[in-house]
Protein backbone atom coordinates (compact mmCIF):
# COMPACT_ATOMS: atom_id res chain seq x y z
CA GLN A 1 -78.90 111.99 52.87
CA VAL A 2 -76.06 112.49 55.29
CA GLN A 3 -76.23 114.67 58.36
CA LEU A 4 -73.11 116.15 59.95
CA VAL A 5 -72.84 117.32 63.53
CA GLU A 6 -69.78 119.25 64.63
CA SER A 7 -68.42 119.81 68.11
CA GLY A 8 -65.44 121.55 69.60
CA GLY A 9 -64.19 124.94 68.64
CA GLY A 10 -64.45 127.98 70.86
CA LEU A 11 -61.84 130.40 72.09
CA ALA A 12 -58.09 129.85 72.31
CA GLN A 13 -55.04 132.00 72.77
CA ALA A 14 -52.39 132.31 70.10
CA GLY A 15 -50.09 129.32 70.31
CA GLY A 16 -52.80 127.22 71.90
CA SER A 17 -54.76 124.22 70.67
CA LEU A 18 -58.31 123.27 69.87
CA ARG A 19 -59.89 120.10 68.56
CA LEU A 20 -62.88 119.89 66.24
CA SER A 21 -64.93 116.75 65.81
CA CYS A 22 -67.62 115.82 63.32
CA VAL A 23 -69.94 112.82 63.20
CA ALA A 24 -71.80 111.76 60.08
CA SER A 25 -75.14 109.97 60.32
CA GLY A 26 -77.86 108.84 57.97
CA GLN A 27 -76.97 107.14 54.71
CA THR A 28 -73.21 107.03 55.31
CA SER A 29 -72.35 103.66 53.77
CA ARG A 30 -71.04 105.35 50.64
CA THR A 31 -69.30 108.24 52.42
CA TYR A 32 -65.65 107.97 51.43
CA SER A 33 -64.05 111.30 52.27
CA MET A 34 -64.42 113.88 55.00
CA ALA A 35 -62.88 117.28 55.34
CA TRP A 36 -62.80 120.62 57.10
CA PHE A 37 -63.30 123.97 55.47
CA ARG A 38 -63.32 127.43 57.01
CA GLN A 39 -64.87 130.74 56.21
CA PHE A 40 -63.50 134.13 57.16
CA PRO A 41 -65.88 137.08 57.50
CA GLY A 42 -66.85 138.36 54.09
CA LYS A 43 -64.91 135.65 52.29
CA GLU A 44 -65.70 132.44 50.46
CA ARG A 45 -65.46 129.13 52.26
CA GLU A 46 -61.99 127.64 51.79
CA PHE A 47 -60.41 124.23 52.11
CA VAL A 48 -58.42 123.33 55.22
CA ALA A 49 -57.81 119.58 55.19
CA ARG A 50 -59.27 116.34 53.84
CA VAL A 51 -58.95 112.66 54.74
CA LYS A 52 -59.86 109.67 52.61
CA LEU A 53 -61.59 107.34 55.03
CA SER A 54 -60.53 104.03 53.48
CA ASP A 55 -56.78 104.53 53.74
CA GLY A 56 -56.29 107.66 55.84
CA VAL A 57 -54.56 109.63 53.10
CA THR A 58 -54.65 113.31 53.97
CA VAL A 59 -54.33 116.62 52.16
CA TYR A 60 -53.74 120.00 53.80
CA GLU A 61 -53.92 123.61 52.80
CA ASP A 62 -50.42 125.09 52.94
CA SER A 63 -50.98 127.51 55.80
CA VAL A 64 -52.02 124.76 58.23
CA LYS A 65 -49.40 122.14 57.32
CA GLY A 66 -47.42 121.14 60.37
CA ARG A 67 -49.95 122.73 62.73
CA PHE A 68 -53.23 120.96 62.02
CA THR A 69 -53.81 117.22 61.89
CA ILE A 70 -56.90 115.63 60.37
CA SER A 71 -57.93 112.09 61.20
CA GLY A 72 -60.89 110.01 60.18
CA ASP A 73 -62.62 106.81 61.23
CA ASN A 74 -64.20 104.86 58.39
CA THR A 75 -66.23 102.63 60.71
CA ARG A 76 -67.76 105.40 62.77
CA LYS A 77 -67.75 107.96 59.92
CA THR A 78 -66.12 110.63 61.99
CA VAL A 79 -63.46 113.22 61.33
CA ASP A 80 -61.38 115.20 63.79
CA LEU A 81 -59.18 118.23 63.31
CA GLN A 82 -56.48 118.80 65.89
CA MET A 83 -55.35 122.39 65.65
CA ASN A 84 -52.08 123.31 67.33
CA SER A 85 -49.98 126.47 67.31
CA LEU A 86 -53.09 128.47 66.57
CA LYS A 87 -52.77 131.94 65.13
CA PRO A 88 -55.24 134.85 65.21
CA GLU A 89 -55.57 134.44 61.44
CA ASP A 90 -57.06 130.99 62.04
CA THR A 91 -60.13 132.72 63.44
CA ALA A 92 -63.06 131.61 61.28
CA VAL A 93 -66.17 129.49 61.16
CA TYR A 94 -65.10 125.91 60.52
CA TYR A 95 -67.34 123.55 58.55
CA CYS A 96 -67.30 119.78 58.35
CA ASN A 97 -67.69 118.31 54.87
CA ALA A 98 -68.47 114.78 53.74
CA VAL A 99 -68.40 113.33 50.25
CA SER A 100 -70.54 110.34 49.38
CA LEU A 101 -70.87 108.36 46.18
CA ALA A 102 -74.40 108.56 44.83
CA ILE A 103 -76.04 105.66 43.02
CA THR A 104 -75.23 107.56 39.84
CA ASN A 105 -71.54 107.26 40.88
CA GLN A 106 -71.35 111.03 41.13
CA PRO A 107 -70.08 112.66 44.31
CA GLU A 108 -72.54 114.24 46.69
CA TYR A 109 -71.37 116.88 49.13
CA TYR A 110 -72.74 117.48 52.60
CA TRP A 111 -72.02 120.22 55.13
CA GLY A 112 -72.25 120.70 58.85
CA GLN A 113 -73.71 123.79 60.44
CA GLY A 114 -70.34 125.32 61.25
CA THR A 115 -68.51 125.98 64.50
CA GLN A 116 -66.75 129.18 65.48
CA VAL A 117 -63.04 129.17 66.25
CA THR A 118 -61.63 132.37 67.72
CA VAL A 119 -57.93 132.83 68.43
CA SER A 120 -56.89 135.81 70.52
CA SER A 121 -53.47 137.41 70.29
């Protein structure tokens, strides 16, 4: 099992910045990818950004490209999300996600508890 603990988030003004951090603990030796998702009120959780821990390759959702930067540390099993040029529409609960390779060689997905990000106009 992998446990994820998020920190950061809170309140920012439009155009401002926030940084989210997430630390994985437990059986993390086979954790190979970490990501951030977000959930708007009444909507499904959606992808924001992902980083492959071994080589740092990143993927972003289109609306955050150029504004958000994801970074990961394969040794410490951490992932950060630097959010710049925030917009009110970025207001959501943000969730940390980790993907580990099970002994069956199938991916296992883990989630943090979520952290609120609120951007005022």
